[in-house]
Amino acid sequence: MELNNTSVIVNKEDKDMAYVTPSGGLNLRKAVKPGSVIKVLRKGAEVDILEEQTWLKVRTKRGDVGYVSADFIDQDPIEAEVSSSDSQPEQPEEKCDIQRYQNTRFIGKTLYADTDFWPCLDRLNQYATACEVSIYVTSSAREPGKTVSGNIVKPASRSNHLIGHAIDMNLQSASGFFNSRKLKKSQFNRLPKEIKQFINLVRDDQEMRWGGDFRNEDPVHIDDSFNVRYPDLWDKKLLSRK
């Protein structure tokens, strides 16, 4: 199921409408616990209440039907942290602002990224939470002109790592630890469900790319395709780091 950074607005019929309240989001499940997670609903997301018990049966605007805990649904609108799906994204800054990023599902090496990349990292954390996966960071922002050692794939000359818009990672779950060898695209169908779900959420994201889909495969890489979407701004960001 698609999970994105916009509000979830519902189709209004004759049912009661309500709103997601937790700031960390709320899992939408296929069945009453322990049903598998369909997606994470953001704070302020609107849903139609289809059944009302300890668990609520709800439907999102996209037509996803599932169950959420009644304790985290409110029938009063939530204004904070809700953005319109029709709103235009903010234009990225011309300068890099590389800062340390931390969140609940990121482990491993310290993660440094341009603050323009942080919304993607927030979504990665949501995806990992929904799939019960940890993201073991092995590389993030890199210094321009500095030699990189230990890479699985030769670094690209216009790598998004140079402007802090990419990470290299392994994945960890209850099923084990998954490195570049295990994450190869040729091994995808052999991966456990939660790892495949996480990768597919990245693939379905409107901005992010999984390196396993690259022509020169790099299955531990995730970026926001900034060098493709904003080539001129990429140059300016790189120049700001020199």
C-alpha atoms as a PDB file:
ATOM      1  CA  MET A   1       0.000   0.000   0.000  1.00  0.00           C
ATOM      2  CA  GLU A   2       1.178   3.544  -0.707  1.00  0.00           C
ATOM      3  CA  LEU A   3       2.275   5.627   2.222  1.00  0.00           C
ATOM      4  CA  ASN A   4       3.044   9.260   1.554  1.00  0.00           C
ATOM      5  CA  ASN A   5       3.727  12.600   3.174  1.00  0.00           C
ATOM      6  CA  THR A   6       0.320  14.175   2.509  1.00  0.00           C
ATOM      7  CA  SER A   7      -2.889  14.197   4.494  1.00  0.00           C
ATOM      8  CA  VAL A   8      -5.315  11.326   4.060  1.00  0.00           C
ATOM      9  CA  ILE A   9      -8.740  12.768   3.201  1.00  0.00           C
ATOM     10  CA  VAL A  10     -11.728  10.452   3.138  1.00  0.00           C
ATOM     11  CA  ASN A  11     -14.756   9.947   0.942  1.00  0.00           C
ATOM     12  CA  LYS A  12     -17.765  11.299   2.849  1.00  0.00           C
ATOM     13  CA  GLU A  13     -20.925   9.239   2.740  1.00  0.00           C
ATOM     14  CA  ASP A  14     -23.330   8.563   5.587  1.00  0.00           C
ATOM     15  CA  LYS A  15     -20.701   7.432   8.087  1.00  0.00           C
ATOM     16  CA  ASP A  16     -19.036   9.460  10.845  1.00  0.00           C
ATOM     17  CA  MET A  17     -15.778  11.205   9.946  1.00  0.00           C
ATOM     18  CA  ALA A  18     -12.880  11.339  12.386  1.00  0.00           C
ATOM     19  CA  TYR A  19      -9.193  12.274  12.563  1.00  0.00           C
ATOM     20  CA  VAL A  20      -5.939  10.554  13.525  1.00  0.00           C
ATOM     21  CA  THR A  21      -4.456  12.097  16.706  1.00  0.00           C
ATOM     22  CA  PRO A  22      -0.958  10.612  17.472  1.00  0.00           C
ATOM     23  CA  SER A  23       1.905  12.784  16.161  1.00  0.00           C
ATOM     24  CA  GLY A  24       3.854   9.623  15.342  1.00  0.00           C
ATOM     25  CA  GLY A  25       1.112   8.268  13.080  1.00  0.00           C
ATOM     26  CA  LEU A  26      -1.237   5.301  13.457  1.00  0.00           C
ATOM     27  CA  ASN A  27      -1.019   1.843  11.868  1.00  0.00           C
ATOM     28  CA  LEU A  28      -3.926   0.909   9.574  1.00  0.00           C
ATOM     29  CA  ARG A  29      -4.321  -2.882   9.854  1.00  0.00           C
ATOM     30  CA  LYS A  30      -6.001  -5.453   7.610  1.00  0.00           C
ATOM     31  CA  ALA A  31      -7.704  -7.050  10.607  1.00  0.00           C
ATOM     32  CA  VAL A  32      -8.089  -6.473  14.334  1.00  0.00           C
ATOM     33  CA  LYS A  33      -4.714  -6.980  16.017  1.00  0.00           C
ATOM     34  CA  PRO A  34      -2.528  -8.841  15.156  1.00  0.00           C
ATOM     35  CA  GLY A  35      -3.589  -8.068  11.571  1.00  0.00           C
ATOM     36  CA  SER A  36      -0.782  -7.018   9.228  1.00  0.00           C
ATOM     37  CA  VAL A  37      -0.171  -3.282   8.757  1.00  0.00           C
ATOM     38  CA  ILE A  38      -1.622  -1.743   5.575  1.00  0.00           C
ATOM     39  CA  LYS A  39      -0.044   1.699   6.034  1.00  0.00           C
ATOM     40  CA  VAL A  40       0.713   4.409   8.614  1.00  0.00           C
ATOM     41  CA  LEU A  41      -1.870   7.196   8.897  1.00  0.00           C
ATOM     42  CA  ARG A  42      -0.369  10.626   9.650  1.00  0.00           C
ATOM     43  CA  LYS A  43      -1.614  12.853  12.473  1.00  0.00           C
ATOM     44  CA  GLY A  44      -4.694  14.739  11.295  1.00  0.00           C
ATOM     45  CA  ALA A  45      -5.591  12.194   8.616  1.00  0.00           C
ATOM     46  CA  GLU A  46      -9.344  11.989   8.064  1.00  0.00           C
ATOM     47  CA  VAL A  47     -11.147   8.635   8.020  1.00  0.00           C
ATOM     48  CA  ASP A  48     -14.752   7.405   7.875  1.00  0.00           C
ATOM     49  CA  ILE A  49     -15.766   5.254  10.860  1.00  0.00           C
ATOM     50  CA  LEU A  50     -17.380   2.123   9.409  1.00  0.00           C
ATOM     51  CA  GLU A  51     -17.635   0.070  12.618  1.00  0.00           C
ATOM     52  CA  GLU A  52     -17.281   1.212  16.227  1.00  0.00           C
ATOM     53  CA  GLN A  53     -15.912  -1.127  18.912  1.00  0.00           C
ATOM     54  CA  THR A  54     -12.549  -1.156  20.727  1.00  0.00           C
ATOM     55  CA  TRP A  55     -11.119  -1.176  17.209  1.00  0.00           C
ATOM     56  CA  LEU A  56     -12.621   1.047  14.519  1.00  0.00           C
ATOM     57  CA  LYS A  57     -13.131  -0.069  10.947  1.00  0.00           C
ATOM     58  CA  VAL A  58     -12.221   2.939   8.767  1.00  0.00           C
ATOM     59  CA  ARG A  59     -11.777   3.936   5.129  1.00  0.00           C
ATOM     60  CA  THR A  60      -9.280   6.496   3.743  1.00  0.00           C
ATOM     61  CA  LYS A  61      -9.722   8.771   0.739  1.00  0.00           C
ATOM     62  CA  ARG A  62      -7.705   6.338  -1.382  1.00  0.00           C
ATOM     63  CA  GLY A  63     -10.175   3.584  -0.517  1.00  0.00           C
ATOM     64  CA  ASP A  64      -7.947   1.668   1.910  1.00  0.00           C
ATOM     65  CA  VAL A  65     -10.201  -0.111   4.433  1.00  0.00           C
ATOM     66  CA  GLY A  66      -8.741  -1.412   7.676  1.00  0.00           C
ATOM     67  CA  TYR A  67      -8.733  -1.249  11.474  1.00  0.00           C
ATOM     68  CA  VAL A  68      -7.243   1.281  13.908  1.00  0.00           C
ATOM     69  CA  SER A  69      -7.318   1.606  17.693  1.00  0.00           C
ATOM     70  CA  ALA A  70     -10.290   3.733  18.818  1.00  0.00           C
ATOM     71  CA  ASP A  71      -8.080   5.391  21.461  1.00  0.00           C
ATOM     72  CA  PHE A  72      -6.234   7.370  18.787  1.00  0.00           C
ATOM     73  CA  ILE A  73      -9.117   8.678  16.683  1.00  0.00           C
ATOM     74  CA  ASP A  74     -10.888  11.986  17.334  1.00  0.00           C
ATOM     75  CA  GLN A  75     -13.959  13.381  15.581  1.00  0.00           C
ATOM     76  CA  ASP A  76     -12.717  16.967  16.002  1.00  0.00           C
ATOM     77  CA  PRO A  77     -10.502  18.165  13.099  1.00  0.00           C
ATOM     78  CA  ILE A  78      -6.750  18.208  13.693  1.00  0.00           C
ATOM     79  CA  GLU A  79      -5.124  21.198  12.008  1.00  0.00           C
ATOM     80  CA  ALA A  80      -1.496  20.653  12.973  1.00  0.00           C
ATOM     81  CA  GLU A  81       0.834  18.654  10.729  1.00  0.00           C
ATOM     82  CA  VAL A  82      -1.706  18.251   7.926  1.00  0.00           C
ATOM     83  CA  SER A  83      -0.725  19.366   4.435  1.00  0.00           C
ATOM     84  CA  SER A  84      -2.975  19.416   1.394  1.00  0.00           C
ATOM     85  CA  SER A  85      -2.270  16.798  -1.246  1.00  0.00           C
ATOM     86  CA  ASP A  86      -2.802  19.571  -3.812  1.00  0.00           C
ATOM     87  CA  SER A  87      -0.227  21.925  -2.295  1.00  0.00           C
ATOM     88  CA  GLN A  88       3.034  22.544  -4.110  1.00  0.00           C
ATOM     89  CA  PRO A  89       6.274  21.381  -2.442  1.00  0.00           C
ATOM     90  CA  GLU A  90       8.613  24.087  -1.219  1.00  0.00           C
ATOM     91  CA  GLN A  91      11.531  24.924  -3.488  1.00  0.00           C
ATOM     92  CA  PRO A  92      14.756  23.493  -2.012  1.00  0.00           C
ATOM     93  CA  GLU A  93      17.422  25.848  -0.713  1.00  0.00           C
ATOM     94  CA  GLU A  94      20.454  26.644  -2.873  1.00  0.00           C
ATOM     95  CA  LYS A  95      22.853  26.030   0.008  1.00  0.00           C
ATOM     96  CA  CYS A  96      23.480  22.813   1.894  1.00  0.00           C
ATOM     97  CA  ASP A  97      22.715  22.787   5.590  1.00  0.00           C
ATOM     98  CA  ILE A  98      24.267  19.515   6.728  1.00  0.00           C
ATOM     99  CA  GLN A  99      23.057  18.538  10.189  1.00  0.00           C
ATOM    100  CA  ARG A 100      22.950  15.407  12.310  1.00  0.00           C
ATOM    101  CA  TYR A 101      19.644  13.553  11.900  1.00  0.00           C
ATOM    102  CA  GLN A 102      18.214  11.153  14.479  1.00  0.00           C
ATOM    103  CA  ASN A 103      15.022   9.119  14.607  1.00  0.00           C
ATOM    104  CA  THR A 104      13.682   5.962  16.201  1.00  0.00           C
ATOM    105  CA  ARG A 105      14.391   3.494  13.375  1.00  0.00           C
ATOM    106  CA  PHE A 106      17.877   4.672  12.378  1.00  0.00           C
ATOM    107  CA  ILE A 107      20.837   2.840  13.912  1.00  0.00           C
ATOM    108  CA  GLY A 108      24.471   2.312  12.936  1.00  0.00           C
ATOM    109  CA  LYS A 109      26.710   5.230  11.970  1.00  0.00           C
ATOM    110  CA  THR A 110      25.795   8.830  12.732  1.00  0.00           C
ATOM    111  CA  LEU A 111      23.556  10.159   9.958  1.00  0.00           C
ATOM    112  CA  TYR A 112      24.373  13.581   8.505  1.00  0.00           C
ATOM    113  CA  ALA A 113      22.076  15.063   5.867  1.00  0.00           C
ATOM    114  CA  ASP A 114      21.021  18.325   4.269  1.00  0.00           C
ATOM    115  CA  THR A 115      17.920  19.581   6.062  1.00  0.00           C
ATOM    116  CA  ASP A 116      16.096  19.595   2.699  1.00  0.00           C
ATOM    117  CA  PHE A 117      16.457  15.780   2.778  1.00  0.00           C
ATOM    118  CA  TRP A 118      14.985  15.419   6.264  1.00  0.00           C
ATOM    119  CA  PRO A 119      11.342  15.010   5.090  1.00  0.00           C
ATOM    120  CA  CYS A 120      12.468  11.929   3.136  1.00  0.00           C
ATOM    121  CA  LEU A 121      14.243  10.598   6.206  1.00  0.00           C
ATOM    122  CA  ASP A 122      11.086  11.192   8.246  1.00  0.00           C
ATOM    123  CA  ARG A 123       9.128   9.113   5.742  1.00  0.00           C
ATOM    124  CA  LEU A 124      11.778   6.385   5.794  1.00  0.00           C
ATOM    125  CA  ASN A 125      11.349   6.258   9.557  1.00  0.00           C
ATOM    126  CA  GLN A 126       7.575   5.906   9.115  1.00  0.00           C
ATOM    127  CA  TYR A 127       8.030   3.111   6.577  1.00  0.00           C
ATOM    128  CA  ALA A 128      10.476   1.293   8.848  1.00  0.00           C
ATOM    129  CA  THR A 129       8.103   1.664  11.807  1.00  0.00           C
ATOM    130  CA  ALA A 130       5.187   0.258   9.815  1.00  0.00           C
ATOM    131  CA  CYS A 131       7.290  -2.714   8.671  1.00  0.00           C
ATOM    132  CA  GLU A 132       9.071  -3.223  12.023  1.00  0.00           C
ATOM    133  CA  VAL A 133      12.459  -2.790  10.367  1.00  0.00           C
ATOM    134  CA  SER A 134      15.584  -0.943  11.551  1.00  0.00           C
ATOM    135  CA  ILE A 135      17.734   1.053   9.105  1.00  0.00           C
ATOM    136  CA  TYR A 136      21.428   0.428   9.813  1.00  0.00           C
ATOM    137  CA  VAL A 137      23.226   3.457   8.357  1.00  0.00           C
ATOM    138  CA  THR A 138      26.658   2.815   6.828  1.00  0.00           C
ATOM    139  CA  SER A 139      27.128   6.131   4.966  1.00  0.00           C
ATOM    140  CA  SER A 140      25.357   9.462   4.553  1.00  0.00           C
ATOM    141  CA  ALA A 141      26.653  12.934   3.591  1.00  0.00           C
ATOM    142  CA  ARG A 142      30.171  12.858   2.129  1.00  0.00           C
ATOM    143  CA  GLU A 143      32.806  15.550   1.864  1.00  0.00           C
ATOM    144  CA  PRO A 144      33.390  16.703  -1.750  1.00  0.00           C
ATOM    145  CA  GLY A 145      36.799  15.685  -3.048  1.00  0.00           C
ATOM    146  CA  LYS A 146      37.375  13.154  -0.282  1.00  0.00           C
ATOM    147  CA  THR A 147      38.247   9.590  -1.305  1.00  0.00           C
ATOM    148  CA  VAL A 148      35.599   7.058  -0.329  1.00  0.00           C
ATOM    149  CA  SER A 149      36.731   3.576   0.683  1.00  0.00           C
ATOM    150  CA  GLY A 150      34.805   0.371   1.192  1.00  0.00           C
ATOM    151  CA  ASN A 151      31.993   1.133  -1.239  1.00  0.00           C
ATOM    152  CA  ILE A 152      30.086  -1.712  -2.883  1.00  0.00           C
ATOM    153  CA  VAL A 153      29.600   0.379  -6.033  1.00  0.00           C
ATOM    154  CA  LYS A 154      31.968   3.024  -7.449  1.00  0.00           C
ATOM    155  CA  PRO A 155      30.683   6.446  -6.305  1.00  0.00           C
ATOM    156  CA  ALA A 156      29.008   8.493  -9.046  1.00  0.00           C
ATOM    157  CA  SER A 157      30.560  11.841  -9.974  1.00  0.00           C
ATOM    158  CA  ARG A 158      27.232  13.566  -9.261  1.00  0.00           C
ATOM    159  CA  SER A 159      26.330  11.464  -6.254  1.00  0.00           C
ATOM    160  CA  ASN A 160      23.572  12.758  -4.003  1.00  0.00           C
ATOM    161  CA  HIS A 161      25.804  11.800  -1.059  1.00  0.00           C
ATOM    162  CA  LEU A 162      27.886  14.900  -1.884  1.00  0.00           C
ATOM    163  CA  ILE A 163      25.005  17.213  -0.993  1.00  0.00           C
ATOM    164  CA  GLY A 164      23.592  15.133   1.868  1.00  0.00           C
ATOM    165  CA  HIS A 165      20.615  13.730  -0.031  1.00  0.00           C
ATOM    166  CA  ALA A 166      21.408  10.005   0.170  1.00  0.00           C
ATOM    167  CA  ILE A 167      22.168   7.212   2.592  1.00  0.00           C
ATOM    168  CA  ASP A 168      23.716   3.776   2.314  1.00  0.00           C
ATOM    169  CA  MET A 169      22.248   1.253   4.707  1.00  0.00           C
ATOM    170  CA  ASN A 170      21.649  -2.345   5.675  1.00  0.00           C
ATOM    171  CA  LEU A 171      18.312  -3.508   7.043  1.00  0.00           C
ATOM    172  CA  GLN A 172      17.609  -5.366  10.253  1.00  0.00           C
ATOM    173  CA  SER A 173      14.437  -7.088  11.447  1.00  0.00           C
ATOM    174  CA  ALA A 174      13.331 -10.052  13.523  1.00  0.00           C
ATOM    175  CA  SER A 175      14.306 -12.179  10.506  1.00  0.00           C
ATOM    176  CA  GLY A 176      17.963 -11.127  10.649  1.00  0.00           C
ATOM    177  CA  PHE A 177      20.475  -8.682   9.174  1.00  0.00           C
ATOM    178  CA  PHE A 178      20.385  -7.869   5.456  1.00  0.00           C
ATOM    179  CA  ASN A 179      23.469  -6.472   3.723  1.00  0.00           C
ATOM    180  CA  SER A 180      24.251  -5.707   0.064  1.00  0.00           C
ATOM    181  CA  ARG A 181      24.550  -9.387  -0.841  1.00  0.00           C
ATOM    182  CA  LYS A 182      21.174 -10.304   0.645  1.00  0.00           C
ATOM    183  CA  LEU A 183      19.451  -7.168  -0.683  1.00  0.00           C
ATOM    184  CA  LYS A 184      20.376  -7.756  -4.325  1.00  0.00           C
ATOM    185  CA  LYS A 185      17.453  -7.438  -6.684  1.00  0.00           C
ATOM    186  CA  SER A 186      17.963 -11.026  -7.823  1.00  0.00           C
ATOM    187  CA  GLN A 187      17.338 -12.110  -4.202  1.00  0.00           C
ATOM    188  CA  PHE A 188      14.287  -9.899  -3.689  1.00  0.00           C
ATOM    189  CA  ASN A 189      11.656 -12.650  -3.767  1.00  0.00           C
ATOM    190  CA  ARG A 190      13.605 -14.586  -1.134  1.00  0.00           C
ATOM    191  CA  LEU A 191      13.556 -11.710   1.343  1.00  0.00           C
ATOM    192  CA  PRO A 192      11.195 -11.849   4.336  1.00  0.00           C
ATOM    193  CA  LYS A 193       7.899 -10.016   4.026  1.00  0.00           C
ATOM    194  CA  GLU A 194       8.823  -7.022   6.178  1.00  0.00           C
ATOM    195  CA  ILE A 195      12.000  -6.286   4.195  1.00  0.00           C
ATOM    196  CA  LYS A 196      10.157  -6.490   0.865  1.00  0.00           C
ATOM    197  CA  GLN A 197       7.403  -4.247   2.213  1.00  0.00           C
ATOM    198  CA  PHE A 198       9.913  -1.617   3.310  1.00  0.00           C
ATOM    199  CA  ILE A 199      11.705  -1.599  -0.042  1.00  0.00           C
ATOM    200  CA  ASN A 200       8.411  -1.389  -1.917  1.00  0.00           C
ATOM    201  CA  LEU A 201       7.332   1.582   0.202  1.00  0.00           C
ATOM    202  CA  VAL A 202      10.553   3.338  -0.836  1.00  0.00           C
ATOM    203  CA  ARG A 203       9.888   2.418  -4.468  1.00  0.00           C
ATOM    204  CA  ASP A 204       6.348   3.815  -4.240  1.00  0.00           C
ATOM    205  CA  ASP A 205       7.507   7.086  -2.686  1.00  0.00           C
ATOM    206  CA  GLN A 206       7.058  10.109  -4.954  1.00  0.00           C
ATOM    207  CA  GLU A 207      10.652  11.288  -4.469  1.00  0.00           C
ATOM    208  CA  MET A 208      12.851   8.467  -3.247  1.00  0.00           C
ATOM    209  CA  ARG A 209      14.676   5.742  -5.176  1.00  0.00           C
ATOM    210  CA  TRP A 210      16.007   2.369  -4.104  1.00  0.00           C
ATOM    211  CA  GLY A 211      19.461   1.702  -5.554  1.00  0.00           C
ATOM    212  CA  GLY A 212      18.548  -1.894  -6.306  1.00  0.00           C
ATOM    213  CA  ASP A 213      16.602  -0.543  -9.281  1.00  0.00           C
ATOM    214  CA  PHE A 214      19.598   1.342 -10.717  1.00  0.00           C
ATOM    215  CA  ARG A 215      21.204   0.139 -13.934  1.00  0.00           C
ATOM    216  CA  ASN A 216      24.434  -0.123 -11.950  1.00  0.00           C
ATOM    217  CA  GLU A 217      22.730  -1.895  -9.038  1.00  0.00           C
ATOM    218  CA  ASP A 218      23.405  -0.514  -5.553  1.00  0.00           C
ATOM    219  CA  PRO A 219      20.898  -2.235  -3.228  1.00  0.00           C
ATOM    220  CA  VAL A 220      22.058  -0.510  -0.033  1.00  0.00           C
ATOM    221  CA  HIS A 221      21.490   2.978  -1.462  1.00  0.00           C
ATOM    222  CA  ILE A 222      18.467   5.271  -1.002  1.00  0.00           C
ATOM    223  CA  ASP A 223      18.243   8.853  -2.275  1.00  0.00           C
ATOM    224  CA  ASP A 224      15.688  11.437  -3.405  1.00  0.00           C
ATOM    225  CA  SER A 225      16.866  11.704  -7.057  1.00  0.00           C
ATOM    226  CA  PHE A 226      17.821  15.337  -6.374  1.00  0.00           C
ATOM    227  CA  ASN A 227      20.540  15.261  -9.055  1.00  0.00           C
ATOM    228  CA  VAL A 228      17.879  14.333 -11.629  1.00  0.00           C
ATOM    229  CA  ARG A 229      14.998  16.525 -10.438  1.00  0.00           C
ATOM    230  CA  TYR A 230      17.049  19.652  -9.677  1.00  0.00           C
ATOM    231  CA  PRO A 231      20.348  19.440 -11.619  1.00  0.00           C
ATOM    232  CA  ASP A 232      21.022  23.201 -11.384  1.00  0.00           C
ATOM    233  CA  LEU A 233      20.249  23.321  -7.673  1.00  0.00           C
ATOM    234  CA  TRP A 234      22.438  20.242  -7.177  1.00  0.00           C
ATOM    235  CA  ASP A 235      25.369  22.233  -8.623  1.00  0.00           C
ATOM    236  CA  LYS A 236      24.642  25.184  -6.339  1.00  0.00           C
ATOM    237  CA  LYS A 237      24.368  22.982  -3.270  1.00  0.00           C
ATOM    238  CA  LEU A 238      27.670  21.304  -4.104  1.00  0.00           C
ATOM    239  CA  LEU A 239      29.339  24.689  -4.658  1.00  0.00           C
ATOM    240  CA  SER A 240      28.113  25.837  -1.241  1.00  0.00           C
ATOM    241  CA  ARG A 241      30.104  23.009   0.376  1.00  0.00           C
ATOM    242  CA  LYS A 242      33.433  23.976  -1.190  1.00  0.00           C
END
